[in-house]
Amino acid sequence: MIGLDTNIIVRYIAQDDTLQSPKATKLVEALSNENPGFITLVSTVELVWVMQGCYQASKEETVTILQSLLHTREFVIENAEVVAKALSAYVASNADFADCLIERSANHAKCTCTKTFDSNASKMAGMLLVT
């Protein structure tokens, strides 16, 4: 298994860099069930941020990207079950994906709640607002 930085995944998906995209494609297409690529939680969050912020990907496009990563055997997503639950929460709300992942990760860790100063996270992602 090899770790994949966010920029590898972005270049593979976006195919927008004449030098790096072919290298990312070659690397990703060489992955296998026996030698998968590992994608960390940090890279998952960065991927959403980059795709939506830099590439103006819609929520639907972002969801499709994450679902594809989760269902590709050549990728191992860190805490995939938590990412899948966060993705479901993201789809069902107007919350940011990062907020959904924070809340679902805390829930998975058996936290009784997740507290925040972010009123949107408290309304949309199920966190408790500290006032």
N, C-alpha and C. Protein backbone atom coordinates (compact mmCIF):
# COMPACT_ATOMS: atom_id res chain seq x y z
N MET A 1 0.85 -1.17 0.00
CA MET A 1 0.00 0.00 0.00
C MET A 1 0.90 1.23 0.00
N ILE A 2 0.48 2.23 -0.76
CA ILE A 2 1.22 3.49 -0.79
C ILE A 2 0.28 4.64 -0.45
N GLY A 3 0.79 5.60 0.27
CA GLY A 3 0.00 6.78 0.61
C GLY A 3 -0.06 7.73 -0.57
N LEU A 4 -1.21 8.35 -0.73
CA LEU A 4 -1.40 9.31 -1.82
C LEU A 4 -1.70 10.69 -1.24
N ASP A 5 -0.88 11.66 -1.60
CA ASP A 5 -1.12 13.03 -1.19
C ASP A 5 -2.31 13.58 -1.99
N THR A 6 -2.93 14.58 -1.44
CA THR A 6 -4.09 15.19 -2.08
C THR A 6 -3.79 15.61 -3.51
N ASN A 7 -2.61 16.17 -3.76
CA ASN A 7 -2.31 16.68 -5.09
C ASN A 7 -2.29 15.58 -6.15
N ILE A 8 -1.94 14.36 -5.77
CA ILE A 8 -1.99 13.24 -6.71
C ILE A 8 -3.44 12.97 -7.12
N ILE A 9 -4.31 12.95 -6.13
CA ILE A 9 -5.73 12.66 -6.38
C ILE A 9 -6.35 13.78 -7.22
N VAL A 10 -6.05 15.02 -6.87
CA VAL A 10 -6.59 16.17 -7.61
C VAL A 10 -6.12 16.13 -9.06
N ARG A 11 -4.84 15.90 -9.29
CA ARG A 11 -4.33 15.87 -10.66
C ARG A 11 -4.94 14.72 -11.46
N TYR A 12 -5.18 13.60 -10.80
CA TYR A 12 -5.82 12.46 -11.46
C TYR A 12 -7.26 12.80 -11.85
N ILE A 13 -7.99 13.42 -10.95
CA ILE A 13 -9.39 13.76 -11.21
C ILE A 13 -9.52 14.91 -12.21
N ALA A 14 -8.76 15.98 -11.98
CA ALA A 14 -8.91 17.19 -12.80
C ALA A 14 -8.28 17.07 -14.19
N GLN A 15 -7.22 16.29 -14.30
CA GLN A 15 -6.52 16.15 -15.58
C GLN A 15 -6.25 17.51 -16.22
N ASP A 16 -5.67 18.42 -15.42
CA ASP A 16 -5.50 19.79 -15.89
C ASP A 16 -4.05 20.26 -15.96
N ASP A 17 -3.12 19.39 -15.67
CA ASP A 17 -1.71 19.77 -15.68
C ASP A 17 -0.97 18.85 -16.64
N THR A 18 -0.36 19.43 -17.67
CA THR A 18 0.26 18.61 -18.72
C THR A 18 1.43 17.78 -18.21
N LEU A 19 2.08 18.20 -17.13
CA LEU A 19 3.19 17.44 -16.59
C LEU A 19 2.75 16.47 -15.48
N GLN A 20 1.96 16.96 -14.55
CA GLN A 20 1.62 16.15 -13.38
C GLN A 20 0.45 15.20 -13.61
N SER A 21 -0.54 15.57 -14.38
CA SER A 21 -1.71 14.72 -14.57
C SER A 21 -1.36 13.36 -15.18
N PRO A 22 -0.51 13.30 -16.22
CA PRO A 22 -0.15 11.98 -16.75
C PRO A 22 0.60 11.11 -15.73
N LYS A 23 1.42 11.73 -14.91
CA LYS A 23 2.13 10.99 -13.87
C LYS A 23 1.16 10.47 -12.81
N ALA A 24 0.20 11.31 -12.44
CA ALA A 24 -0.81 10.89 -11.46
C ALA A 24 -1.65 9.75 -12.02
N THR A 25 -2.01 9.86 -13.29
CA THR A 25 -2.79 8.81 -13.94
C THR A 25 -2.02 7.49 -13.98
N LYS A 26 -0.77 7.55 -14.35
CA LYS A 26 0.06 6.34 -14.39
C LYS A 26 0.14 5.70 -13.01
N LEU A 27 0.34 6.52 -11.99
CA LEU A 27 0.43 6.02 -10.62
C LEU A 27 -0.89 5.38 -10.18
N VAL A 28 -2.00 6.08 -10.38
CA VAL A 28 -3.30 5.57 -9.94
C VAL A 28 -3.69 4.32 -10.72
N GLU A 29 -3.44 4.31 -12.02
CA GLU A 29 -3.81 3.15 -12.82
C GLU A 29 -2.93 1.93 -12.53
N ALA A 30 -1.80 2.14 -11.86
CA ALA A 30 -0.94 1.02 -11.46
C ALA A 30 -1.36 0.42 -10.12
N LEU A 31 -2.28 1.08 -9.42
CA LEU A 31 -2.75 0.56 -8.14
C LEU A 31 -3.55 -0.71 -8.37
N SER A 32 -3.60 -1.55 -7.34
CA SER A 32 -4.34 -2.81 -7.45
C SER A 32 -4.90 -3.18 -6.08
N ASN A 33 -5.70 -4.24 -6.06
CA ASN A 33 -6.20 -4.74 -4.77
C ASN A 33 -5.05 -5.12 -3.85
N GLU A 34 -3.98 -5.66 -4.45
CA GLU A 34 -2.82 -6.10 -3.68
C GLU A 34 -1.93 -4.93 -3.27
N ASN A 35 -1.94 -3.87 -4.03
CA ASN A 35 -1.11 -2.69 -3.76
C ASN A 35 -1.96 -1.43 -3.95
N PRO A 36 -2.89 -1.19 -3.01
CA PRO A 36 -3.81 -0.05 -3.16
C PRO A 36 -3.16 1.27 -2.73
N GLY A 37 -3.85 2.34 -3.05
CA GLY A 37 -3.44 3.67 -2.62
C GLY A 37 -4.22 4.04 -1.36
N PHE A 38 -3.53 4.57 -0.38
CA PHE A 38 -4.14 4.96 0.89
C PHE A 38 -4.43 6.45 0.89
N ILE A 39 -5.67 6.81 1.20
CA ILE A 39 -6.09 8.21 1.24
C ILE A 39 -6.50 8.54 2.68
N THR A 40 -5.78 9.49 3.28
CA THR A 40 -6.03 9.85 4.67
C THR A 40 -7.28 10.73 4.80
N LEU A 41 -7.74 10.87 6.03
CA LEU A 41 -8.86 11.78 6.29
C LEU A 41 -8.50 13.21 5.91
N VAL A 42 -7.27 13.60 6.20
CA VAL A 42 -6.83 14.96 5.86
C VAL A 42 -6.92 15.16 4.35
N SER A 43 -6.43 14.20 3.59
CA SER A 43 -6.50 14.31 2.12
C SER A 43 -7.94 14.32 1.63
N THR A 44 -8.81 13.60 2.28
CA THR A 44 -10.23 13.59 1.90
C THR A 44 -10.83 14.98 2.06
N VAL A 45 -10.56 15.62 3.20
CA VAL A 45 -11.07 16.97 3.45
C VAL A 45 -10.44 17.96 2.49
N GLU A 46 -9.12 17.85 2.30
CA GLU A 46 -8.45 18.76 1.35
C GLU A 46 -9.00 18.60 -0.06
N LEU A 47 -9.28 17.36 -0.45
CA LEU A 47 -9.82 17.11 -1.78
C LEU A 47 -11.14 17.85 -1.99
N VAL A 48 -12.02 17.77 -1.02
CA VAL A 48 -13.31 18.48 -1.11
C VAL A 48 -13.06 19.98 -1.20
N TRP A 49 -12.19 20.49 -0.36
CA TRP A 49 -11.90 21.92 -0.34
C TRP A 49 -11.33 22.38 -1.68
N VAL A 50 -10.37 21.63 -2.21
CA VAL A 50 -9.74 22.01 -3.48
C VAL A 50 -10.73 21.90 -4.64
N MET A 51 -11.47 20.82 -4.70
CA MET A 51 -12.40 20.63 -5.82
C MET A 51 -13.49 21.70 -5.82
N GLN A 52 -13.99 22.05 -4.63
CA GLN A 52 -15.04 23.06 -4.58
C GLN A 52 -14.48 24.48 -4.66
N GLY A 53 -13.34 24.72 -4.02
CA GLY A 53 -12.79 26.07 -3.98
C GLY A 53 -12.02 26.46 -5.23
N CYS A 54 -11.18 25.57 -5.71
CA CYS A 54 -10.32 25.90 -6.86
C CYS A 54 -10.95 25.50 -8.19
N TYR A 55 -11.72 24.44 -8.18
CA TYR A 55 -12.29 23.92 -9.44
C TYR A 55 -13.80 24.16 -9.55
N GLN A 56 -14.38 24.83 -8.57
CA GLN A 56 -15.80 25.15 -8.55
C GLN A 56 -16.69 23.92 -8.77
N ALA A 57 -16.26 22.77 -8.24
CA ALA A 57 -17.10 21.57 -8.34
C ALA A 57 -18.36 21.78 -7.51
N SER A 58 -19.47 21.34 -8.04
CA SER A 58 -20.73 21.44 -7.31
C SER A 58 -20.76 20.40 -6.19
N LYS A 59 -21.72 20.54 -5.33
CA LYS A 59 -21.88 19.55 -4.25
C LYS A 59 -22.11 18.17 -4.86
N GLU A 60 -22.93 18.10 -5.88
CA GLU A 60 -23.23 16.82 -6.53
C GLU A 60 -21.97 16.19 -7.13
N GLU A 61 -21.16 17.01 -7.78
CA GLU A 61 -19.91 16.51 -8.35
C GLU A 61 -18.96 16.03 -7.25
N THR A 62 -18.91 16.77 -6.16
CA THR A 62 -18.06 16.39 -5.04
C THR A 62 -18.52 15.08 -4.43
N VAL A 63 -19.81 14.92 -4.26
CA VAL A 63 -20.36 13.67 -3.73
C VAL A 63 -20.00 12.51 -4.64
N THR A 64 -20.13 12.70 -5.93
CA THR A 64 -19.78 11.65 -6.89
C THR A 64 -18.31 11.26 -6.78
N ILE A 65 -17.44 12.25 -6.64
CA ILE A 65 -16.01 11.99 -6.49
C ILE A 65 -15.76 11.15 -5.24
N LEU A 66 -16.33 11.56 -4.11
CA LEU A 66 -16.11 10.84 -2.86
C LEU A 66 -16.70 9.43 -2.91
N GLN A 67 -17.87 9.30 -3.49
CA GLN A 67 -18.47 7.97 -3.62
C GLN A 67 -17.59 7.06 -4.48
N SER A 68 -17.04 7.62 -5.54
CA SER A 68 -16.15 6.83 -6.40
C SER A 68 -14.92 6.35 -5.64
N LEU A 69 -14.34 7.24 -4.87
CA LEU A 69 -13.16 6.86 -4.08
C LEU A 69 -13.51 5.77 -3.08
N LEU A 70 -14.65 5.92 -2.43
CA LEU A 70 -15.07 4.94 -1.42
C LEU A 70 -15.35 3.57 -2.02
N HIS A 71 -15.77 3.53 -3.27
CA HIS A 71 -16.17 2.27 -3.89
C HIS A 71 -15.13 1.68 -4.85
N THR A 72 -13.95 2.29 -4.89
CA THR A 72 -12.89 1.78 -5.75
C THR A 72 -11.97 0.91 -4.91
N ARG A 73 -11.85 -0.34 -5.28
CA ARG A 73 -11.05 -1.29 -4.50
C ARG A 73 -9.57 -0.95 -4.46
N GLU A 74 -9.13 -0.18 -5.42
CA GLU A 74 -7.72 0.18 -5.47
C GLU A 74 -7.36 1.32 -4.51
N PHE A 75 -8.37 1.83 -3.81
CA PHE A 75 -8.13 2.86 -2.80
C PHE A 75 -8.57 2.33 -1.44
N VAL A 76 -7.79 2.66 -0.43
CA VAL A 76 -8.16 2.42 0.96
C VAL A 76 -8.31 3.80 1.58
N ILE A 77 -9.51 4.10 2.02
CA ILE A 77 -9.79 5.40 2.64
C ILE A 77 -9.69 5.23 4.15
N GLU A 78 -8.91 6.07 4.78
CA GLU A 78 -8.80 6.03 6.24
C GLU A 78 -10.19 6.20 6.86
N ASN A 79 -10.53 5.31 7.76
CA ASN A 79 -11.84 5.34 8.43
C ASN A 79 -12.98 5.46 7.41
N ALA A 80 -12.96 4.59 6.43
CA ALA A 80 -13.93 4.65 5.33
C ALA A 80 -15.37 4.66 5.82
N GLU A 81 -15.66 3.89 6.86
CA GLU A 81 -17.05 3.85 7.35
C GLU A 81 -17.47 5.20 7.92
N VAL A 82 -16.54 5.92 8.55
CA VAL A 82 -16.84 7.25 9.08
C VAL A 82 -17.00 8.24 7.93
N VAL A 83 -16.14 8.14 6.93
CA VAL A 83 -16.24 9.01 5.75
C VAL A 83 -17.58 8.79 5.06
N ALA A 84 -18.00 7.53 4.94
CA ALA A 84 -19.29 7.23 4.29
C ALA A 84 -20.45 7.84 5.09
N LYS A 85 -20.39 7.75 6.41
CA LYS A 85 -21.44 8.35 7.24
C LYS A 85 -21.43 9.87 7.14
N ALA A 86 -20.23 10.45 7.10
CA ALA A 86 -20.12 11.90 6.94
C ALA A 86 -20.66 12.32 5.58
N LEU A 87 -20.38 11.52 4.57
CA LEU A 87 -20.89 11.82 3.23
C LEU A 87 -22.41 11.78 3.20
N SER A 88 -22.99 10.81 3.87
CA SER A 88 -24.46 10.73 3.97
C SER A 88 -25.02 11.96 4.66
N ALA A 89 -24.38 12.38 5.75
CA ALA A 89 -24.83 13.58 6.47
C ALA A 89 -24.68 14.82 5.58
N TYR A 90 -23.61 14.88 4.83
CA TYR A 90 -23.36 15.99 3.92
C TYR A 90 -24.43 16.07 2.84
N VAL A 91 -24.79 14.93 2.29
CA VAL A 91 -25.81 14.87 1.25
C VAL A 91 -27.16 15.34 1.80
N ALA A 92 -27.45 14.98 3.04
CA ALA A 92 -28.76 15.24 3.64
C ALA A 92 -28.88 16.63 4.26
N SER A 93 -27.83 17.44 4.18
CA SER A 93 -27.87 18.73 4.86
C SER A 93 -27.22 19.81 4.01
N ASN A 94 -27.17 21.00 4.57
CA ASN A 94 -26.44 22.11 3.95
C ASN A 94 -25.11 22.35 4.66
N ALA A 95 -24.67 21.40 5.45
CA ALA A 95 -23.43 21.53 6.19
C ALA A 95 -22.22 21.35 5.28
N ASP A 96 -21.09 21.86 5.73
CA ASP A 96 -19.83 21.60 5.04
C ASP A 96 -19.43 20.15 5.26
N PHE A 97 -18.75 19.57 4.27
CA PHE A 97 -18.30 18.19 4.43
C PHE A 97 -17.36 18.07 5.63
N ALA A 98 -16.47 19.03 5.82
CA ALA A 98 -15.53 18.96 6.94
C ALA A 98 -16.27 18.92 8.28
N ASP A 99 -17.32 19.72 8.42
CA ASP A 99 -18.10 19.71 9.66
C ASP A 99 -18.78 18.36 9.86
N CYS A 100 -19.30 17.79 8.79
CA CYS A 100 -19.92 16.47 8.89
C CYS A 100 -18.90 15.42 9.31
N LEU A 101 -17.70 15.50 8.76
CA LEU A 101 -16.66 14.54 9.09
C LEU A 101 -16.19 14.71 10.53
N ILE A 102 -16.06 15.94 10.98
CA ILE A 102 -15.69 16.18 12.38
C ILE A 102 -16.73 15.59 13.31
N GLU A 103 -17.99 15.86 13.04
CA GLU A 103 -19.05 15.37 13.93
C GLU A 103 -19.14 13.85 13.90
N ARG A 104 -19.08 13.25 12.72
CA ARG A 104 -19.17 11.78 12.61
C ARG A 104 -17.94 11.10 13.21
N SER A 105 -16.77 11.73 13.08
CA SER A 105 -15.55 11.17 13.68
C SER A 105 -15.64 11.20 15.19
N ALA A 106 -16.15 12.28 15.74
CA ALA A 106 -16.32 12.36 17.19
C ALA A 106 -17.35 11.35 17.67
N ASN A 107 -18.43 11.20 16.92
CA ASN A 107 -19.44 10.21 17.26
C ASN A 107 -18.85 8.80 17.24
N HIS A 108 -18.06 8.52 16.23
CA HIS A 108 -17.41 7.21 16.10
C HIS A 108 -16.46 6.95 17.28
N ALA A 109 -15.86 8.02 17.81
CA ALA A 109 -14.96 7.90 18.95
C ALA A 109 -15.72 7.84 20.27
N LYS A 110 -17.05 7.75 20.19
CA LYS A 110 -17.93 7.63 21.36
C LYS A 110 -18.04 8.92 22.17
N CYS A 111 -17.79 10.07 21.52
CA CYS A 111 -18.01 11.35 22.20
C CYS A 111 -19.50 11.52 22.43
N THR A 112 -19.86 12.11 23.54
CA THR A 112 -21.28 12.33 23.83
C THR A 112 -21.86 13.43 22.95
N CYS A 113 -21.01 14.35 22.49
CA CYS A 113 -21.42 15.42 21.59
C CYS A 113 -20.18 16.08 21.02
N THR A 114 -20.40 16.94 20.04
CA THR A 114 -19.31 17.75 19.49
C THR A 114 -19.71 19.20 19.65
N LYS A 115 -18.91 19.96 20.36
CA LYS A 115 -19.22 21.37 20.63
C LYS A 115 -18.48 22.26 19.65
N THR A 116 -19.10 23.39 19.36
CA THR A 116 -18.55 24.32 18.36
C THR A 116 -18.97 25.75 18.67
N PHE A 117 -18.21 26.70 18.14
CA PHE A 117 -18.60 28.10 18.13
C PHE A 117 -19.28 28.45 16.80
N ASP A 118 -19.28 27.54 15.87
CA ASP A 118 -19.80 27.75 14.51
C ASP A 118 -21.31 27.48 14.50
N SER A 119 -22.10 28.54 14.36
CA SER A 119 -23.56 28.38 14.41
C SER A 119 -24.07 27.53 13.25
N ASN A 120 -23.43 27.63 12.08
CA ASN A 120 -23.86 26.80 10.95
C ASN A 120 -23.60 25.32 11.24
N ALA A 121 -22.46 25.01 11.83
CA ALA A 121 -22.15 23.60 12.17
C ALA A 121 -23.14 23.08 13.20
N SER A 122 -23.58 23.95 14.10
CA SER A 122 -24.55 23.48 15.10
C SER A 122 -25.92 23.25 14.45
N LYS A 123 -26.28 24.07 13.48
CA LYS A 123 -27.58 23.92 12.82
C LYS A 123 -27.57 22.79 11.79
N MET A 124 -26.46 22.66 11.06
CA MET A 124 -26.43 21.78 9.90
C MET A 124 -25.76 20.43 10.14
N ALA A 125 -24.77 20.38 11.04
CA ALA A 125 -23.97 19.16 11.18
C ALA A 125 -24.19 18.46 12.52
N GLY A 126 -25.14 18.94 13.30
CA GLY A 126 -25.47 18.23 14.54
C GLY A 126 -24.55 18.50 15.71
N MET A 127 -23.75 19.57 15.64
CA MET A 127 -22.90 19.93 16.76
C MET A 127 -23.67 20.79 17.73
N LEU A 128 -23.15 20.90 18.94
CA LEU A 128 -23.78 21.76 19.95
C LEU A 128 -23.04 23.08 20.04
N LEU A 129 -23.80 24.17 19.92
CA LEU A 129 -23.25 25.51 19.94
C LEU A 129 -22.87 25.90 21.35
N VAL A 130 -21.64 26.41 21.51
CA VAL A 130 -21.20 26.96 22.78
C VAL A 130 -21.49 28.45 22.74
N THR A 131 -22.27 28.89 23.71
CA THR A 131 -22.66 30.31 23.74
C THR A 131 -22.05 31.02 24.92
